[in-house]
């Protein structure tokens, strides 16, 4: 009977994880800001066959290592559908991360503790949100968590030399995914402290030669990408390839950390990020802190390693000026694992149940209020928002009904489960919110968010035999174009792109059109002869025929400075 119950609980978690994270797969195209960029790079990998040096349009893309793009391109080669392939790596990575957390909880404590850790992670806002997006972060979280898994299997349950080496190996894979995989190795710091203080359970086994072989596994993982890339760049003696190599190895890693040039935030930024982005699990921290302190006083090394590593990650990313909320996402799985043993006791507390019930009620009020405001509020506001976003008529009303359904389900869940099980009402509410957002929101928002609607309208207007050039374009424009489109650089300033685009257009003026961002139009373009193509992502785009170009396109100093400032802000 116990075995059957355990099996049911495990399968319930698996089904819920697939439902929450997998809902909406295949129902939308890539959305800005990062998704179209990575999908475009992956698409060009497949089309060109060049997987080592990724391109964005005509230019090399050196902002990130190509790991995510490799996954997307490989899965597309197997599946043949970009709508599925571009999101599938995040789904696989999220499920893998959940498995690591559940299995570690089972091995370090009990099977039920492992499931509690999985539930806490599955519904943590930042984890769920990022897992449903096609960005690099879910992959780097997976590899760092796999590294933690291997290190902890050795440090707390060892000696386990294969897991020790795999921990270092996956830390290296994390490095070639986003550069920060090395932070997994900070787990050794609290382990060394615990070992030096003779805490029970934890051992490094430093006298064994196999301990010192682990850095070779790390180097091997990094070399899988680094070695062929560097050798090819040096062998070709191409200035473009060597610039790519220098940018991705130095400017985008060490220099970005030491001299951040964007996303400047105060040192305490993450102290505000975690309470807001790690809910609902983080709501229980006020009760967890005294319990953690008591366990540390009892010299329980499991908590020292998990909490110590979490603190080191927060400290590591708090040092540079540049900070984004996703930077500390890799520490969320270990936070949930440290919280999980406390959850059975905390969820029996009346004050905890009241807090979770109040949070569920807040979700109900927000969704019901938003839905009613959209349906019964000022129509002109709704119309302005719809026009600004380039949405089709009626989309706002359909989203409003979906919000009302979310709120109604939250109220029903509170009434159904009762105040002793309001944590179940919260799980039920969050599940329906994520599923409705995916199944209803994705199709309704896709055309305006992905630029598919804009690019289809532009293609229909110019006809199937016309050629299209893009000026001041974003990745979604090239990705969603219904034909091969000419581009004139991506990082090239808009005025220079327009000049090059006009020159290209004049070679075949009767069949060539330019799609130009409104902010990039120079006075040489007669707007009375151009056509407004549409609005996507709050940007207005114009179709410019050759007849709309009046005279020579040259921007004066003031216009150039204005356009370059706007381009930098993009």
Protein backbone atom coordinates (compact mmCIF):
# COMPACT_ATOMS: atom_id res chain seq x y z
CA UNK A 1 0.00 0.00 0.00
CA UNK A 2 2.83 2.38 0.90
CA UNK A 3 4.61 1.55 -2.32
CA UNK A 4 1.46 2.24 -4.31
CA UNK A 5 0.96 5.55 -2.55
CA UNK A 6 4.55 6.56 -3.20
CA UNK A 7 4.16 5.67 -6.86
CA UNK A 8 0.97 7.75 -7.13
CA UNK A 9 2.65 10.76 -5.51
CA UNK A 10 5.61 10.51 -7.84
CA UNK A 11 3.49 10.16 -10.97
CA UNK A 12 1.29 13.05 -9.87
CA UNK A 13 4.37 15.25 -9.69
CA UNK A 14 5.62 14.08 -13.09
CA UNK A 15 2.25 14.73 -14.76
CA UNK A 16 1.92 18.16 -13.14
CA UNK A 17 5.45 19.14 -14.20
CA UNK A 18 4.73 18.14 -17.80
CA UNK A 19 1.40 19.98 -17.72
CA UNK A 20 2.70 23.23 -16.24
CA UNK A 21 5.97 23.41 -18.17
CA UNK A 22 4.85 21.77 -21.42
CA UNK A 23 1.53 23.54 -21.93
CA UNK A 24 1.61 25.71 -25.03
CA UNK A 25 4.50 23.92 -26.71
CA UNK A 26 4.11 24.51 -30.45
CA UNK A 27 1.49 27.26 -30.05
CA UNK A 28 3.76 30.28 -30.49
CA UNK A 29 6.82 31.58 -32.25
CA UNK A 30 9.86 33.13 -30.54
CA UNK A 31 9.10 36.34 -28.62
CA UNK A 32 11.56 39.16 -27.86
CA UNK A 33 13.88 40.02 -26.47
CA UNK A 34 16.20 37.01 -26.63
CA UNK A 35 14.15 34.18 -28.11
CA UNK A 36 14.13 35.37 -31.76
CA UNK A 37 17.87 36.01 -31.59
CA UNK A 38 18.73 32.47 -30.54
CA UNK A 39 16.18 30.88 -32.87
CA UNK A 40 17.49 32.93 -35.81
CA UNK A 41 21.06 31.90 -35.07
CA UNK A 42 19.99 28.25 -34.83
CA UNK A 43 18.03 28.51 -38.09
CA UNK A 44 21.04 29.97 -39.87
CA UNK A 45 23.19 27.15 -38.47
CA UNK A 46 20.91 24.59 -40.09
CA UNK A 47 20.74 26.48 -43.38
CA UNK A 48 24.46 27.27 -43.67
CA UNK A 49 25.95 24.18 -42.03
CA UNK A 50 28.29 26.42 -39.99
CA UNK A 51 27.72 25.36 -36.38
CA UNK A 52 31.02 26.54 -34.95
CA UNK A 53 30.75 30.25 -35.72
CA UNK A 54 27.10 31.33 -35.38
CA UNK A 55 25.73 34.20 -37.44
CA UNK A 56 22.98 36.76 -36.95
CA UNK A 57 22.18 37.88 -40.46
CA UNK A 58 25.48 38.70 -42.13
CA UNK A 59 27.39 39.25 -38.88
CA UNK A 60 28.96 36.80 -36.46
CA UNK A 61 27.06 36.49 -33.18
CA UNK A 62 29.52 36.51 -30.29
CA UNK A 63 27.37 37.58 -27.34
CA UNK A 64 26.85 34.02 -26.05
CA UNK A 65 28.38 30.56 -26.62
CA UNK A 66 26.38 28.48 -29.11
CA UNK A 67 25.20 25.69 -26.75
CA UNK A 68 21.49 26.62 -26.75
CA UNK A 69 21.55 27.20 -30.50
CA UNK A 70 23.13 23.78 -30.99
CA UNK A 71 20.30 22.20 -29.02
CA UNK A 72 17.66 24.06 -31.01
CA UNK A 73 19.25 23.27 -34.36
CA UNK A 74 19.71 19.59 -33.45
CA UNK A 75 16.13 19.20 -32.25
CA UNK A 76 14.84 20.92 -35.38
CA UNK A 77 16.87 18.51 -37.51
CA UNK A 78 15.09 15.65 -35.72
CA UNK A 79 11.57 17.13 -35.37
CA UNK A 80 11.38 19.47 -38.38
CA UNK A 81 9.22 22.06 -36.59
CA UNK A 82 10.72 25.31 -35.31
CA UNK A 83 7.74 26.14 -33.08
CA UNK A 84 8.48 23.01 -31.06
CA UNK A 85 12.25 22.86 -31.43
CA UNK A 86 13.01 26.36 -30.17
CA UNK A 87 11.23 25.77 -26.80
CA UNK A 88 12.05 22.11 -26.31
CA UNK A 89 15.56 22.64 -24.85
CA UNK A 90 14.09 24.70 -22.00
CA UNK A 91 11.47 22.04 -21.27
CA UNK A 92 14.07 19.26 -21.24
CA UNK A 93 16.40 21.33 -19.07
CA UNK A 94 13.64 22.18 -16.57
CA UNK A 95 12.57 18.55 -16.25
CA UNK A 96 16.19 17.50 -15.80
CA UNK A 97 16.68 20.10 -13.07
CA UNK A 98 13.57 18.89 -11.27
CA UNK A 99 14.83 15.30 -11.43
CA UNK A 100 18.16 16.31 -9.88
CA UNK A 101 16.45 18.13 -7.02
CA UNK A 102 13.93 15.35 -6.31
CA UNK A 103 16.58 12.63 -6.40
CA UNK A 104 19.00 14.60 -4.20
CA UNK A 105 16.24 15.20 -1.68
CA UNK A 106 15.49 11.48 -1.65
CA UNK A 107 19.12 10.53 -1.13
CA UNK A 108 19.95 13.20 1.45
CA UNK A 109 16.67 12.85 3.38
CA UNK A 110 13.62 10.89 2.21
CA UNK A 111 11.55 10.32 -0.90
CA UNK A 112 8.86 12.69 0.37
CA UNK A 113 11.40 15.44 1.06
CA UNK A 114 12.61 15.08 -2.53
CA UNK A 115 9.06 15.57 -3.83
CA UNK A 116 8.55 18.59 -1.57
CA UNK A 117 11.72 20.11 -3.04
CA UNK A 118 10.42 19.41 -6.54
CA UNK A 119 7.04 21.01 -5.85
CA UNK A 120 8.67 24.10 -4.32
CA UNK A 121 10.91 24.50 -7.37
CA UNK A 122 8.23 23.74 -9.97
CA UNK A 123 5.98 26.57 -8.79
CA UNK A 124 8.68 29.11 -7.91
CA UNK A 125 7.76 32.04 -10.16
CA UNK A 126 11.19 32.62 -11.66
CA UNK A 127 11.80 28.94 -12.41
CA UNK A 128 8.44 28.39 -14.11
CA UNK A 129 8.63 31.64 -16.06
CA UNK A 130 12.16 31.02 -17.36
CA UNK A 131 11.45 27.35 -18.10
CA UNK A 132 8.68 28.40 -20.50
CA UNK A 133 11.01 30.72 -22.41
CA UNK A 134 13.64 29.81 -25.01
CA UNK A 135 16.62 31.40 -23.30
CA UNK A 136 20.01 30.13 -22.20
CA UNK A 137 19.20 30.29 -18.48
CA UNK A 138 17.24 27.00 -18.18
CA UNK A 139 20.16 25.15 -19.76
CA UNK A 140 22.78 26.75 -17.53
CA UNK A 141 20.59 26.00 -14.48
CA UNK A 142 20.44 22.35 -15.57
CA UNK A 143 24.20 22.01 -15.97
CA UNK A 144 25.01 23.82 -12.72
CA UNK A 145 22.44 21.67 -10.89
CA UNK A 146 23.93 18.54 -12.45
CA UNK A 147 27.34 19.73 -11.26
CA UNK A 148 25.92 20.28 -7.77
CA UNK A 149 24.34 16.83 -7.91
CA UNK A 150 27.65 15.17 -8.72
CA UNK A 151 29.62 17.15 -6.12
CA UNK A 152 27.07 16.47 -3.36
CA UNK A 153 26.90 12.76 -4.18
CA UNK A 154 30.63 12.66 -3.46
CA UNK A 155 30.92 15.19 -0.61
CA UNK A 156 27.94 14.01 1.45
CA UNK A 157 27.25 10.48 0.26
CA UNK A 158 30.68 9.41 -0.94
CA UNK A 159 33.26 8.69 -1.75
CA UNK A 160 31.74 8.57 -5.23
CA UNK A 161 34.54 9.35 -7.65
CA UNK A 162 32.57 9.08 -10.85
CA UNK A 163 30.05 11.61 -9.53
CA UNK A 164 32.90 13.84 -8.36
CA UNK A 165 34.36 13.90 -11.85
CA UNK A 166 30.94 14.35 -13.45
CA UNK A 167 30.30 17.30 -11.15
CA UNK A 168 33.41 19.02 -12.48
CA UNK A 169 32.56 17.99 -16.05
CA UNK A 170 29.09 19.53 -15.94
CA UNK A 171 30.54 22.68 -14.38
CA UNK A 172 32.67 22.90 -17.53
CA UNK A 173 29.62 22.33 -19.73
CA UNK A 174 27.99 25.20 -17.83
CA UNK A 175 30.97 27.39 -18.74
CA UNK A 176 30.54 26.78 -22.47
CA UNK A 177 26.80 27.38 -22.08
CA UNK A 178 26.89 30.82 -20.48
CA UNK A 179 30.31 31.30 -18.95
CA UNK A 180 29.20 31.06 -15.31
CA UNK A 181 29.13 27.28 -14.87
CA UNK A 182 32.26 27.51 -12.75
CA UNK A 183 30.18 28.85 -9.85
CA UNK A 184 29.03 25.28 -9.19
CA UNK A 185 32.53 24.56 -7.86
CA UNK A 186 31.96 27.04 -5.03
CA UNK A 187 30.18 24.13 -3.35
CA UNK A 188 33.68 22.96 -2.36
CA UNK A 189 34.15 26.03 -0.11
CA UNK A 190 31.51 25.20 2.55
CA UNK A 191 32.47 21.52 2.21
CA UNK A 192 36.10 22.35 2.99
CA UNK A 193 35.01 24.42 6.00
CA UNK A 194 32.83 21.60 7.32
CA UNK A 195 35.60 19.06 6.78
CA UNK A 196 38.18 21.24 8.56
CA UNK A 197 35.81 21.61 11.52
CA UNK A 198 35.24 17.83 11.54
CA UNK A 199 31.50 18.03 10.90
CA UNK A 200 29.91 14.59 10.39
CA UNK A 201 28.95 13.26 6.92
CA UNK A 202 31.14 15.54 4.79
CA UNK A 203 34.49 14.42 3.44
CA UNK A 204 36.64 15.74 0.58
CA UNK A 205 39.08 12.78 0.44
CA UNK A 206 41.89 15.09 -0.64
CA UNK A 207 44.58 12.49 0.01
CA UNK A 208 43.25 10.31 -2.77
CA UNK A 209 44.86 11.07 -6.14
CA UNK A 210 41.45 10.75 -7.78
CA UNK A 211 40.42 13.97 -6.04
CA UNK A 212 42.97 15.92 -8.08
CA UNK A 213 41.95 14.42 -11.42
CA UNK A 214 38.64 16.32 -11.38
CA UNK A 215 39.99 19.54 -12.99
CA UNK A 216 40.86 17.44 -16.03
CA UNK A 217 37.16 16.63 -16.44
CA UNK A 218 36.39 20.35 -16.21
CA UNK A 219 39.04 21.16 -18.84
CA UNK A 220 37.77 18.39 -21.11
CA UNK A 221 34.24 19.80 -21.04
CA UNK A 222 35.41 23.33 -21.84
CA UNK A 223 37.70 22.04 -24.61
CA UNK A 224 34.78 20.40 -26.44
CA UNK A 225 33.85 23.83 -27.79
CA UNK A 226 36.82 26.04 -27.00
CA UNK A 227 39.52 23.99 -28.71
CA UNK A 228 37.97 23.63 -32.20
CA UNK A 229 36.75 27.24 -32.12
CA UNK A 230 40.17 28.68 -31.24
CA UNK A 231 42.08 26.41 -33.60
CA UNK A 232 39.77 27.26 -36.50
CA UNK A 233 39.92 30.99 -35.80
CA UNK A 234 43.72 30.93 -35.66
CA UNK A 235 44.11 28.62 -38.67
CA UNK A 236 41.94 30.70 -40.97
CA UNK A 237 43.74 33.92 -39.94
CA UNK A 238 40.42 35.65 -40.47
CA UNK A 239 40.15 38.99 -38.71
CA UNK A 240 36.41 38.44 -38.32
CA UNK A 241 36.88 35.06 -36.62
CA UNK A 242 39.63 36.35 -34.36
CA UNK A 243 37.46 39.31 -33.34
CA UNK A 244 34.70 36.81 -32.54
CA UNK A 245 37.13 34.77 -30.43
CA UNK A 246 38.39 37.79 -28.48
CA UNK A 247 34.90 39.11 -27.87
CA UNK A 248 33.36 35.89 -26.61
CA UNK A 249 36.36 34.80 -24.52
CA UNK A 250 37.26 38.10 -22.88
CA UNK A 251 34.78 40.95 -23.36
CA UNK A 252 31.61 38.90 -22.83
CA UNK A 253 32.97 37.05 -19.76
CA UNK A 254 35.68 38.54 -17.57
CA UNK A 255 35.21 42.13 -18.76
CA UNK A 256 31.41 41.94 -18.47
CA UNK A 257 31.82 40.77 -14.86
CA UNK A 258 34.56 43.21 -13.85
CA UNK A 259 33.40 46.24 -15.85
CA UNK A 260 29.67 45.81 -16.42
CA UNK A 261 28.37 48.20 -19.09
CA UNK A 262 24.64 47.59 -18.66
CA UNK A 263 21.95 46.59 -16.13
CA UNK A 264 23.54 48.60 -13.33
CA UNK A 265 21.91 47.89 -9.96
CA UNK A 266 22.77 48.53 -6.28
CA UNK A 267 24.61 45.88 -4.25
CA UNK A 268 21.42 44.81 -2.45
CA UNK A 269 19.50 44.19 -5.70
CA UNK A 270 19.19 40.43 -5.21
CA UNK A 271 17.87 40.88 -1.67
CA UNK A 272 14.81 42.36 -3.35
CA UNK A 273 14.78 39.97 -6.29
CA UNK A 274 14.51 36.76 -4.30
CA UNK A 275 11.46 37.73 -2.22
CA UNK A 276 9.61 38.82 -5.35
CA UNK A 277 10.76 36.22 -7.89
CA UNK A 278 11.07 33.10 -5.72
CA UNK A 279 7.52 33.16 -4.40
CA UNK A 280 5.65 31.25 -3.11
CA UNK A 281 8.55 29.23 -1.64
CA UNK A 282 10.33 32.35 -0.36
CA UNK A 283 7.26 33.33 1.67
CA UNK A 284 8.30 30.68 4.19
CA UNK A 285 11.80 32.02 4.81
CA UNK A 286 10.86 33.85 8.08
CA UNK A 287 9.93 30.46 9.58
CA UNK A 288 12.80 28.63 7.87
CA UNK A 289 15.63 30.82 9.21
CA UNK A 290 15.28 29.73 12.88
CA UNK A 291 14.97 26.09 11.78
CA UNK A 292 18.08 26.37 9.61
CA UNK A 293 19.98 27.95 12.47
CA UNK A 294 19.10 25.07 14.81
CA UNK A 295 20.26 22.52 12.24
CA UNK A 296 23.52 24.33 11.68
CA UNK A 297 24.06 24.41 15.44
CA UNK A 298 23.65 20.63 15.36
CA UNK A 299 26.45 20.56 12.74
CA UNK A 300 24.27 19.19 9.93
CA UNK A 301 26.57 19.53 6.92
CA UNK A 302 23.71 19.10 4.45
CA UNK A 303 22.38 22.53 5.35
CA UNK A 304 25.82 24.12 5.51
CA UNK A 305 26.67 23.06 1.96
CA UNK A 306 23.31 24.03 0.45
CA UNK A 307 22.87 27.33 2.30
CA UNK A 308 26.55 28.24 2.11
CA UNK A 309 26.61 27.74 -1.64
CA UNK A 310 23.44 29.79 -2.05
CA UNK A 311 25.00 32.64 -0.04
CA UNK A 312 28.21 32.48 -2.09
CA UNK A 313 26.26 32.71 -5.37
CA UNK A 314 24.36 35.77 -4.16
CA UNK A 315 27.64 37.35 -3.01
CA UNK A 316 29.40 36.49 -6.29
CA UNK A 317 26.78 38.23 -8.44
CA UNK A 318 26.34 41.15 -6.02
CA UNK A 319 29.94 42.33 -6.50
CA UNK A 320 29.76 43.69 -10.10
CA UNK A 321 27.60 46.70 -10.94
CA UNK A 322 25.70 44.85 -13.67
CA UNK A 323 22.95 42.64 -12.28
CA UNK A 324 19.89 40.86 -13.71
CA UNK A 325 17.37 38.77 -11.84
CA UNK A 326 18.26 35.63 -13.82
CA UNK A 327 21.86 35.68 -12.61
CA UNK A 328 20.97 33.99 -9.32
CA UNK A 329 18.43 31.60 -10.82
CA UNK A 330 20.97 28.70 -10.66
CA UNK A 331 20.89 28.93 -6.85
CA UNK A 332 17.11 28.46 -6.65
CA UNK A 333 17.18 24.61 -6.87
CA UNK A 334 19.54 24.33 -3.89
CA UNK A 335 17.42 26.85 -1.95
CA UNK A 336 14.33 24.69 -2.53
CA UNK A 337 16.29 21.60 -1.51
CA UNK A 338 17.34 23.23 1.78
CA UNK A 339 13.75 24.32 2.42
CA UNK A 340 12.12 20.98 1.60
CA UNK A 341 12.83 19.08 4.88
CA UNK A 342 11.06 21.87 6.77
CA UNK A 343 7.92 21.94 4.62
CA UNK A 344 5.98 19.06 6.23
CA UNK A 345 6.15 20.81 9.59
CA UNK A 346 5.65 24.33 8.26
CA UNK A 347 2.55 23.38 6.27
CA UNK A 348 0.92 22.13 9.48
CA UNK A 349 1.23 25.60 11.01
CA UNK A 350 -1.94 27.68 11.03
CA UNK A 351 -0.09 30.97 10.39
CA UNK A 352 1.66 29.48 7.35
CA UNK A 353 -1.64 28.25 5.95
CA UNK A 354 -3.19 31.69 6.44
CA UNK A 355 -0.27 33.32 4.60
CA UNK A 356 -0.56 30.92 1.67
CA UNK A 357 -4.31 31.41 1.62
CA UNK A 358 -3.87 35.18 1.60
CA UNK A 359 -1.42 34.90 -1.30
CA UNK A 360 -3.88 32.75 -3.23
CA UNK A 361 -6.62 35.29 -2.52
CA UNK A 362 -4.32 38.06 -3.78
CA UNK A 363 -3.89 36.15 -7.05
CA UNK A 364 -7.67 35.85 -7.29
CA UNK A 365 -8.18 39.57 -6.70
CA UNK A 366 -5.51 40.58 -9.23
CA UNK A 367 -6.78 38.30 -12.00
CA UNK A 368 -10.45 39.02 -11.37
CA UNK A 369 -9.78 42.75 -11.11
CA UNK A 370 -7.69 42.79 -14.27
CA UNK A 371 -10.30 40.85 -16.21
CA UNK A 372 -13.18 43.05 -15.06
CA UNK A 373 -11.21 46.24 -15.73
CA UNK A 374 -10.51 45.10 -19.29
CA UNK A 375 -14.14 44.17 -19.94
CA UNK A 376 -15.90 47.02 -18.17
CA UNK A 377 -13.26 49.75 -18.07
CA UNK A 378 -12.67 52.70 -20.37
CA UNK A 379 -12.86 51.37 -23.97
CA UNK A 380 -10.47 54.02 -25.27
CA UNK A 381 -7.70 52.75 -22.97
CA UNK A 382 -8.19 49.21 -24.22
CA UNK A 383 -8.19 50.44 -27.81
CA UNK A 384 -4.98 52.44 -27.31
CA UNK A 385 -3.24 49.45 -25.76
CA UNK A 386 -4.45 47.20 -28.54
CA UNK A 387 -3.19 49.60 -31.21
CA UNK A 388 0.14 50.20 -29.46
CA UNK A 389 0.79 46.46 -29.31
CA UNK A 390 -0.50 45.78 -32.82
CA UNK A 391 -3.09 43.28 -31.54
CA UNK A 392 -6.01 42.04 -33.60
CA UNK A 393 -9.47 43.33 -32.60
CA UNK A 394 -11.05 41.36 -29.79
CA UNK A 395 -7.83 39.99 -28.35
CA UNK A 396 -8.09 42.06 -25.19
CA UNK A 397 -11.59 40.78 -24.48
CA UNK A 398 -10.50 37.17 -24.86
CA UNK A 399 -7.54 37.74 -22.53
CA UNK A 400 -9.90 39.36 -20.05
CA UNK A 401 -12.13 36.28 -20.00
CA UNK A 402 -9.07 34.11 -19.45
CA UNK A 403 -8.08 36.30 -16.47
CA UNK A 404 -11.60 35.96 -15.06
CA UNK A 405 -11.35 32.18 -15.40
CA UNK A 406 -8.04 32.23 -13.48
CA UNK A 407 -9.54 34.32 -10.69
CA UNK A 408 -12.68 32.24 -10.50
CA UNK A 409 -10.64 29.05 -10.24
CA UNK A 410 -8.58 30.58 -7.41
CA UNK A 411 -11.71 31.40 -5.41
CA UNK A 412 -13.15 27.93 -6.04
CA UNK A 413 -9.86 26.32 -4.94
CA UNK A 414 -9.85 28.26 -1.67
CA UNK A 415 -13.41 27.12 -0.93
CA UNK A 416 -12.80 23.53 -1.99
CA UNK A 417 -9.61 22.79 -0.07
CA UNK A 418 -10.40 24.70 3.12
CA UNK A 419 -8.06 26.58 5.42
CA UNK A 420 -6.10 23.51 6.52
CA UNK A 421 -5.03 22.81 2.95
CA UNK A 422 -4.66 26.24 1.43
CA UNK A 423 -1.26 25.18 0.11
CA UNK A 424 -3.19 22.81 -2.19
CA UNK A 425 -5.41 25.71 -3.27
CA UNK A 426 -2.28 27.67 -4.17
CA UNK A 427 -0.87 24.80 -6.23
CA UNK A 428 -4.21 24.41 -8.00
CA UNK A 429 -4.42 28.14 -8.74
CA UNK A 430 -0.87 28.43 -10.06
CA UNK A 431 -1.39 25.39 -12.28
CA UNK A 432 -4.47 26.87 -13.93
CA UNK A 433 -2.82 30.30 -14.31
CA UNK A 434 0.18 28.84 -16.13
CA UNK A 435 -1.91 26.49 -18.28
CA UNK A 436 -4.40 29.17 -19.34
CA UNK A 437 -1.61 31.66 -19.98
CA UNK A 438 0.00 29.10 -22.29
CA UNK A 439 -3.03 27.63 -24.06
CA UNK A 440 -4.98 30.90 -24.41
CA UNK A 441 -2.38 33.65 -24.18
CA UNK A 442 0.18 32.19 -26.57
CA UNK A 443 -2.09 32.02 -29.66
CA UNK A 444 -3.75 35.38 -28.94
CA UNK A 445 -0.51 37.31 -28.40
CA UNK A 446 1.67 35.51 -30.91
CA UNK A 447 1.13 37.56 -34.07
CA UNK A 448 1.90 40.88 -32.37
CA UNK A 449 4.62 39.61 -30.03
CA UNK A 450 6.56 37.55 -32.56
CA UNK A 451 6.15 39.98 -35.53
CA UNK A 452 4.60 37.13 -37.54
CA UNK A 453 1.51 39.26 -38.26
CA UNK A 454 3.63 42.20 -39.39
CA UNK A 455 5.85 40.14 -41.68
CA UNK A 456 2.90 38.25 -43.20
CA UNK A 457 1.12 41.53 -43.91
CA UNK A 458 4.26 42.97 -45.49
CA UNK A 459 4.73 39.87 -47.64
CA UNK A 460 1.14 39.94 -48.87
CA UNK A 461 1.38 43.65 -49.73
CA UNK A 462 4.52 43.44 -51.87
CA UNK A 463 3.53 40.17 -53.55
CA UNK A 464 5.31 36.83 -53.86
CA UNK A 465 7.76 37.92 -56.58
CA UNK A 466 9.07 41.04 -54.82
CA UNK A 467 12.31 41.23 -52.85
CA UNK A 468 12.45 42.59 -49.32
CA UNK A 469 15.24 44.43 -47.53
CA UNK A 470 15.27 45.12 -43.78
CA UNK A 471 16.52 48.36 -42.22
CA UNK A 472 16.92 48.83 -38.44
CA UNK A 473 15.59 45.30 -38.13
CA UNK A 474 15.19 43.08 -35.12
CA UNK A 475 15.81 39.36 -35.12
CA UNK A 476 12.11 38.51 -35.23
CA UNK A 477 11.72 40.41 -38.52
CA UNK A 478 14.27 38.27 -40.32
CA UNK A 479 13.10 35.09 -38.58
CA UNK A 480 9.43 35.62 -39.47
CA UNK A 481 9.97 36.91 -43.02
CA UNK A 482 8.10 34.84 -45.62
CA UNK A 483 11.05 34.98 -48.02
CA UNK A 484 14.85 35.40 -47.89
CA UNK A 485 15.36 39.03 -46.90
CA UNK A 486 18.35 41.27 -47.56
CA UNK A 487 20.01 42.83 -44.52
CA UNK A 488 22.67 45.51 -44.26
CA UNK A 489 24.25 44.66 -40.95
CA UNK A 490 22.72 44.44 -37.51
CA UNK A 491 25.09 46.40 -35.30
CA UNK A 492 25.61 48.89 -38.15
CA UNK A 493 23.96 52.21 -37.28
CA UNK A 494 20.52 52.74 -38.73
CA UNK A 495 21.41 55.65 -40.98
CA UNK A 496 24.15 53.60 -42.61
CA UNK A 497 21.77 50.66 -43.02
CA UNK A 498 19.24 52.90 -44.76
CA UNK A 499 21.85 54.30 -47.14
CA UNK A 500 22.99 50.76 -48.02
CA UNK A 501 19.37 49.62 -48.35
CA UNK A 502 18.51 52.44 -50.77
CA UNK A 503 21.57 51.60 -52.82
CA UNK A 504 20.48 47.94 -52.96
CA UNK A 505 16.94 48.93 -53.88
CA UNK A 506 18.06 51.12 -56.77
CA UNK A 507 19.64 48.12 -58.49
CA UNK A 508 16.13 46.72 -59.13
CA UNK A 509 13.68 49.47 -58.15
CA UNK A 510 10.53 47.87 -59.55
CA UNK A 511 10.67 44.69 -57.47
CA UNK A 512 12.59 45.69 -54.33
CA UNK A 513 11.01 47.07 -51.17
CA UNK A 514 12.46 48.19 -47.86
CA UNK A 515 10.85 47.49 -44.50
CA UNK A 516 12.11 50.30 -42.26
CA UNK A 517 11.62 51.06 -38.58
CA UNK A 518 9.85 54.40 -38.25
CA UNK A 519 12.61 55.87 -36.07
CA UNK A 520 15.17 55.12 -38.79
CA UNK A 521 13.38 57.02 -41.58
CA UNK A 522 15.46 59.93 -42.84
CA UNK A 523 14.04 63.05 -44.57
CA UNK A 524 14.90 61.51 -47.94
CA UNK A 525 11.91 59.18 -47.52
CA UNK A 526 8.61 60.68 -48.63
CA UNK A 527 6.13 59.18 -46.15
CA UNK A 528 3.19 60.06 -48.37
CA UNK A 529 4.47 57.46 -50.84
CA UNK A 530 5.53 54.94 -48.17
CA UNK A 531 3.01 52.64 -46.47
CA UNK A 532 2.57 51.82 -42.81
CA UNK A 533 3.17 48.06 -42.74
CA UNK A 534 2.02 47.54 -39.16
CA UNK A 535 2.95 47.58 -35.50
CA UNK A 536 4.81 44.86 -33.62
CA UNK A 537 6.43 44.97 -30.16
CA UNK A 538 5.41 48.64 -29.85
CA UNK A 539 7.39 49.53 -32.98
CA UNK A 540 5.93 51.05 -36.16
CA UNK A 541 7.25 49.73 -39.48
CA UNK A 542 6.99 51.26 -42.96
CA UNK A 543 7.16 49.68 -46.40
CA UNK A 544 9.24 51.94 -48.63
CA UNK A 545 9.09 51.55 -52.45
CA UNK A 546 11.81 53.02 -54.63
CA UNK A 547 9.52 55.87 -55.65
CA UNK A 548 9.38 57.09 -52.05
CA UNK A 549 13.11 57.86 -52.00
CA UNK A 550 13.51 61.55 -52.86
CA UNK A 551 17.09 62.62 -53.45
CA UNK A 552 20.17 61.38 -51.62
CA UNK A 553 19.79 59.84 -48.15
CA UNK A 554 22.25 61.59 -45.85
CA UNK A 555 21.64 62.26 -42.17
CA UNK A 556 22.94 65.40 -40.56
CA UNK A 557 24.89 65.29 -37.31
CA UNK A 558 21.87 65.94 -35.08
CA UNK A 559 19.75 63.25 -36.75
CA UNK A 560 22.60 60.77 -36.65
CA UNK A 561 23.18 61.34 -32.95
CA UNK A 562 19.45 60.96 -32.23
CA UNK A 563 19.18 57.73 -34.20
CA UNK A 564 22.33 56.27 -32.68
CA UNK A 565 21.08 57.07 -29.19
CA UNK A 566 17.80 55.31 -29.96
CA UNK A 567 19.67 52.34 -31.42
CA UNK A 568 21.84 52.07 -28.33
CA UNK A 569 18.71 52.14 -26.17
CA UNK A 570 17.31 49.20 -28.14
